[in-house]
Amino acid sequence: MNMLLADIDAYLLQACPPRDSILEEMESRAAADSFPIVGPLVGRLLFQLVCISGAKRILELGSGFGYSGYWFGSAAGSGGELILTDLSSRNLRDAESYFRRGGISCRTQFRVGDALRTLEQLSGPFDIIFNDVDKVRYPQVFMQASRLLKPDGLLISDNLLCQGRVLKSGADEDVRGMQEYTRLIFQNEEYVSTVIPIRDGVSVSVKRS
């Protein structure tokens, strides 16, 4: 769900340059299947953050069929490394196909399984960790991801606004998880964080050196 006013969102989308055919194919699939993807406005933000930071080693937690990963891989280029994770082997097979067809040249790993267990198995440091797992588990991701993120690295998370439900009392466990995650990123002195209110809210947290 987009939290921007509909006319503002439409204005920005219209202003965006056309995506390549693979991204447009993924966007059409997501619309047809009601599958949540970050969309082109957030995708461009992810691409920019890789370019600005010079990130070369990127970890995605909750990759779906590879839409956000495609933006990361495009920005990282042949010198980059991208690890994608998802519970669905089919999703990751599809992601691998999209990457191959789109000429994504970075080194890639496609890991099927639970994102938190994958975190336990990996060695850092990573330049960027992108978090898009089940919302109730965001606080656990924050604790585990910190040990794998390099100083000055970026922890990026999607859906910080939970379709506006973060404003309501008596929230469900997903929203409570997101509220706790938001508290953690703002109050932990090891990070400098902000929440960008595009689409459903994207947080960017910089780990202090």
Protein backbone atom coordinates (compact mmCIF):
# COMPACT_ATOMS: atom_id res chain seq x y z
CA MET A 1 0.00 0.00 0.00
CA ASN A 2 1.23 3.50 -0.83
CA MET A 3 1.06 5.97 2.04
CA LEU A 4 1.57 8.94 -0.27
CA LEU A 5 -1.53 10.74 -1.45
CA ALA A 6 -2.73 8.94 -4.56
CA ASP A 7 -2.26 11.95 -6.83
CA ILE A 8 1.27 12.58 -5.51
CA ASP A 9 2.17 8.92 -5.98
CA ALA A 10 0.78 8.96 -9.53
CA TYR A 11 2.69 12.18 -10.28
CA LEU A 12 6.01 10.70 -9.11
CA LEU A 13 5.45 7.42 -10.95
CA GLN A 14 4.66 9.31 -14.14
CA ALA A 15 7.87 11.31 -13.74
CA CYS A 16 10.00 8.17 -13.32
CA PRO A 17 11.90 7.04 -16.41
CA PRO A 18 10.72 3.75 -17.93
CA ARG A 19 12.17 0.62 -16.34
CA ASP A 20 13.78 -2.13 -18.35
CA SER A 21 11.55 -4.89 -19.69
CA ILE A 22 12.38 -7.33 -16.88
CA LEU A 23 11.40 -4.90 -14.13
CA GLU A 24 8.20 -4.05 -15.98
CA GLU A 25 7.45 -7.76 -16.31
CA MET A 26 7.93 -8.23 -12.56
CA GLU A 27 5.72 -5.22 -11.83
CA SER A 28 2.96 -6.66 -14.03
CA ARG A 29 3.26 -10.02 -12.30
CA ALA A 30 3.06 -8.42 -8.86
CA ALA A 31 -0.06 -6.47 -9.86
CA ALA A 32 -1.75 -9.54 -11.35
CA ASP A 33 -0.94 -11.77 -8.36
CA SER A 34 -1.36 -9.11 -5.62
CA PHE A 35 2.23 -9.89 -4.64
CA PRO A 36 3.88 -7.16 -2.53
CA ILE A 37 6.97 -5.57 -4.09
CA VAL A 38 8.69 -2.32 -3.18
CA GLY A 39 7.77 -0.72 -6.52
CA PRO A 40 9.77 1.65 -8.70
CA LEU A 41 9.96 4.63 -6.33
CA VAL A 42 11.54 2.56 -3.58
CA GLY A 43 13.51 0.55 -6.13
CA ARG A 44 15.19 3.71 -7.36
CA LEU A 45 15.97 4.65 -3.75
CA LEU A 46 17.68 1.29 -3.21
CA PHE A 47 19.67 1.75 -6.40
CA GLN A 48 20.74 5.23 -5.27
CA LEU A 49 21.79 4.05 -1.82
CA VAL A 50 24.10 1.47 -3.38
CA CYS A 51 25.61 4.14 -5.63
CA ILE A 52 25.99 6.69 -2.84
CA SER A 53 27.52 4.23 -0.36
CA GLY A 54 29.65 2.31 -2.83
CA ALA A 55 28.18 -0.90 -1.40
CA LYS A 56 29.52 -4.12 -2.86
CA ARG A 57 28.31 -6.81 -0.45
CA ILE A 58 24.54 -6.85 0.05
CA LEU A 59 22.21 -9.18 1.94
CA GLU A 60 18.46 -9.33 1.34
CA LEU A 61 16.15 -10.86 3.92
CA GLY A 62 12.84 -11.74 2.29
CA SER A 63 13.49 -11.42 -1.44
CA GLY A 64 10.27 -12.70 -2.99
CA PHE A 65 10.84 -13.25 -6.68
CA GLY A 66 13.70 -10.78 -6.83
CA TYR A 67 12.27 -7.34 -7.58
CA SER A 68 14.21 -5.33 -4.98
CA GLY A 69 17.22 -7.59 -5.50
CA TYR A 70 17.19 -6.72 -9.19
CA TRP A 71 17.59 -3.04 -8.30
CA PHE A 72 20.41 -3.86 -5.87
CA GLY A 73 22.17 -6.12 -8.37
CA SER A 74 21.88 -3.57 -11.16
CA ALA A 75 23.56 -0.94 -8.99
CA ALA A 76 26.27 -3.20 -7.54
CA GLY A 77 27.48 -4.37 -10.96
CA SER A 78 30.09 -6.98 -11.74
CA GLY A 79 32.16 -6.23 -8.66
CA GLY A 80 29.28 -6.78 -6.27
CA GLU A 81 27.92 -9.69 -4.28
CA LEU A 82 24.24 -10.15 -3.46
CA ILE A 83 22.68 -12.82 -1.25
CA LEU A 84 18.93 -13.29 -1.59
CA THR A 85 16.83 -15.25 0.91
CA ASP A 86 13.26 -16.51 0.80
CA LEU A 87 11.20 -19.35 2.20
CA SER A 88 9.98 -20.23 -1.30
CA SER A 89 12.32 -22.11 -3.61
CA ARG A 90 10.03 -21.23 -6.51
CA ASN A 91 10.39 -17.52 -5.79
CA LEU A 92 14.17 -17.78 -5.82
CA ARG A 93 14.21 -19.87 -8.99
CA ASP A 94 12.14 -17.16 -10.64
CA ALA A 95 14.48 -14.48 -9.27
CA GLU A 96 17.47 -16.31 -10.71
CA SER A 97 15.74 -16.45 -14.09
CA TYR A 98 14.93 -12.73 -14.04
CA PHE A 99 18.53 -11.91 -13.12
CA ARG A 100 19.89 -14.07 -15.92
CA ARG A 101 17.54 -12.62 -18.50
CA GLY A 102 18.25 -9.07 -17.32
CA GLY A 103 22.02 -9.49 -17.46
CA ILE A 104 22.60 -8.83 -13.76
CA SER A 105 26.35 -9.31 -13.47
CA CYS A 106 27.01 -9.29 -9.73
CA ARG A 107 27.80 -12.53 -7.93
CA THR A 108 24.59 -13.95 -6.52
CA GLN A 109 23.54 -16.55 -3.99
CA PHE A 110 19.94 -17.72 -3.64
CA ARG A 111 19.32 -19.18 -0.18
CA VAL A 112 16.06 -20.97 0.52
CA GLY A 113 14.99 -20.97 4.15
CA ASP A 114 14.22 -18.92 7.22
CA ALA A 115 15.88 -15.50 7.12
CA LEU A 116 16.85 -15.46 10.79
CA ARG A 117 18.47 -18.89 10.53
CA THR A 118 20.31 -17.71 7.44
CA LEU A 119 21.57 -14.71 9.40
CA GLU A 120 23.02 -17.07 11.99
CA GLN A 121 24.89 -19.00 9.29
CA LEU A 122 26.46 -16.03 7.49
CA SER A 123 29.67 -14.16 8.12
CA GLY A 124 29.99 -10.42 7.73
CA PRO A 125 30.65 -7.76 7.10
CA PHE A 126 27.94 -6.56 4.73
CA ASP A 127 27.72 -3.06 3.32
CA ILE A 128 23.90 -3.17 3.13
CA ILE A 129 21.34 -5.42 4.75
CA PHE A 130 17.79 -5.08 3.40
CA ASN A 131 15.05 -6.36 5.69
CA ASP A 132 11.62 -7.33 4.36
CA VAL A 133 10.66 -10.40 6.43
CA ASP A 134 7.53 -11.01 8.50
CA LYS A 135 6.91 -7.80 10.41
CA VAL A 136 6.63 -9.42 13.83
CA ARG A 137 10.26 -10.53 13.43
CA TYR A 138 11.76 -7.13 12.66
CA PRO A 139 13.15 -6.60 16.20
CA GLN A 140 14.96 -9.96 15.98
CA VAL A 141 16.41 -8.98 12.62
CA PHE A 142 17.71 -5.74 14.13
CA MET A 143 19.57 -7.59 16.88
CA GLN A 144 21.06 -10.21 14.58
CA ALA A 145 21.84 -7.98 11.63
CA SER A 146 23.91 -5.59 13.70
CA ARG A 147 26.75 -8.07 14.12
CA LEU A 148 26.98 -8.58 10.34
CA LEU A 149 26.85 -4.95 9.27
CA LYS A 150 30.09 -3.08 8.74
CA PRO A 151 30.74 0.33 10.34
CA ASP A 152 29.04 2.96 8.15
CA GLY A 153 26.92 0.17 6.66
CA LEU A 154 23.20 0.57 5.95
CA LEU A 155 20.33 -1.37 7.47
CA ILE A 156 17.28 -0.72 5.28
CA SER A 157 13.78 -1.95 6.15
CA ASP A 158 10.46 -1.84 4.31
CA ASN A 159 6.88 -1.33 5.54
CA LEU A 160 7.67 0.84 8.56
CA LEU A 161 4.20 2.41 8.44
CA CYS A 162 2.19 -0.82 8.14
CA GLN A 163 -0.45 0.83 5.95
CA GLY A 164 -0.99 3.44 8.65
CA ARG A 165 -1.82 0.87 11.33
CA VAL A 166 1.16 1.99 13.43
CA LEU A 167 -1.03 4.94 14.49
CA LYS A 168 -3.68 2.75 16.08
CA SER A 169 -3.84 1.46 19.63
CA GLY A 170 -4.48 -2.22 20.26
CA ALA A 171 -2.31 -3.18 17.31
CA ASP A 172 -1.80 -6.77 16.19
CA GLU A 173 1.54 -8.53 16.65
CA ASP A 174 2.87 -7.47 13.26
CA VAL A 175 2.26 -3.81 14.03
CA ARG A 176 3.66 -4.17 17.54
CA GLY A 177 6.78 -5.71 16.01
CA MET A 178 7.11 -2.74 13.69
CA GLN A 179 6.54 -0.23 16.48
CA GLU A 180 9.25 -1.93 18.54
CA TYR A 181 11.61 -1.98 15.56
CA THR A 182 11.03 1.74 15.02
CA ARG A 183 11.80 2.39 18.67
CA LEU A 184 15.00 0.35 18.43
CA ILE A 185 16.41 2.07 15.36
CA PHE A 186 15.77 5.54 16.77
CA GLN A 187 16.91 4.91 20.33
CA ASN A 188 19.96 2.72 19.69
CA GLU A 189 22.96 5.07 19.77
CA GLU A 190 24.91 2.76 17.48
CA TYR A 191 22.69 3.92 14.59
CA VAL A 192 21.51 7.11 12.96
CA SER A 193 18.10 6.40 11.43
CA THR A 194 15.34 8.01 9.46
CA VAL A 195 12.03 6.82 8.02
CA ILE A 196 11.21 7.98 4.51
CA PRO A 197 7.42 8.06 4.00
CA ILE A 198 7.29 6.75 0.44
CA ARG A 199 5.11 3.76 -0.42
CA ASP A 200 4.63 2.05 3.00
CA GLY A 201 7.60 3.71 4.72
CA VAL A 202 11.28 2.81 4.31
CA SER A 203 13.80 3.16 7.12
CA VAL A 204 17.47 3.80 6.50
CA SER A 205 19.79 3.24 9.47
CA VAL A 206 23.50 4.03 9.28
CA LYS A 207 25.71 2.08 11.64
CA ARG A 208 28.18 4.42 13.32
CA SER A 209 31.87 3.70 12.79
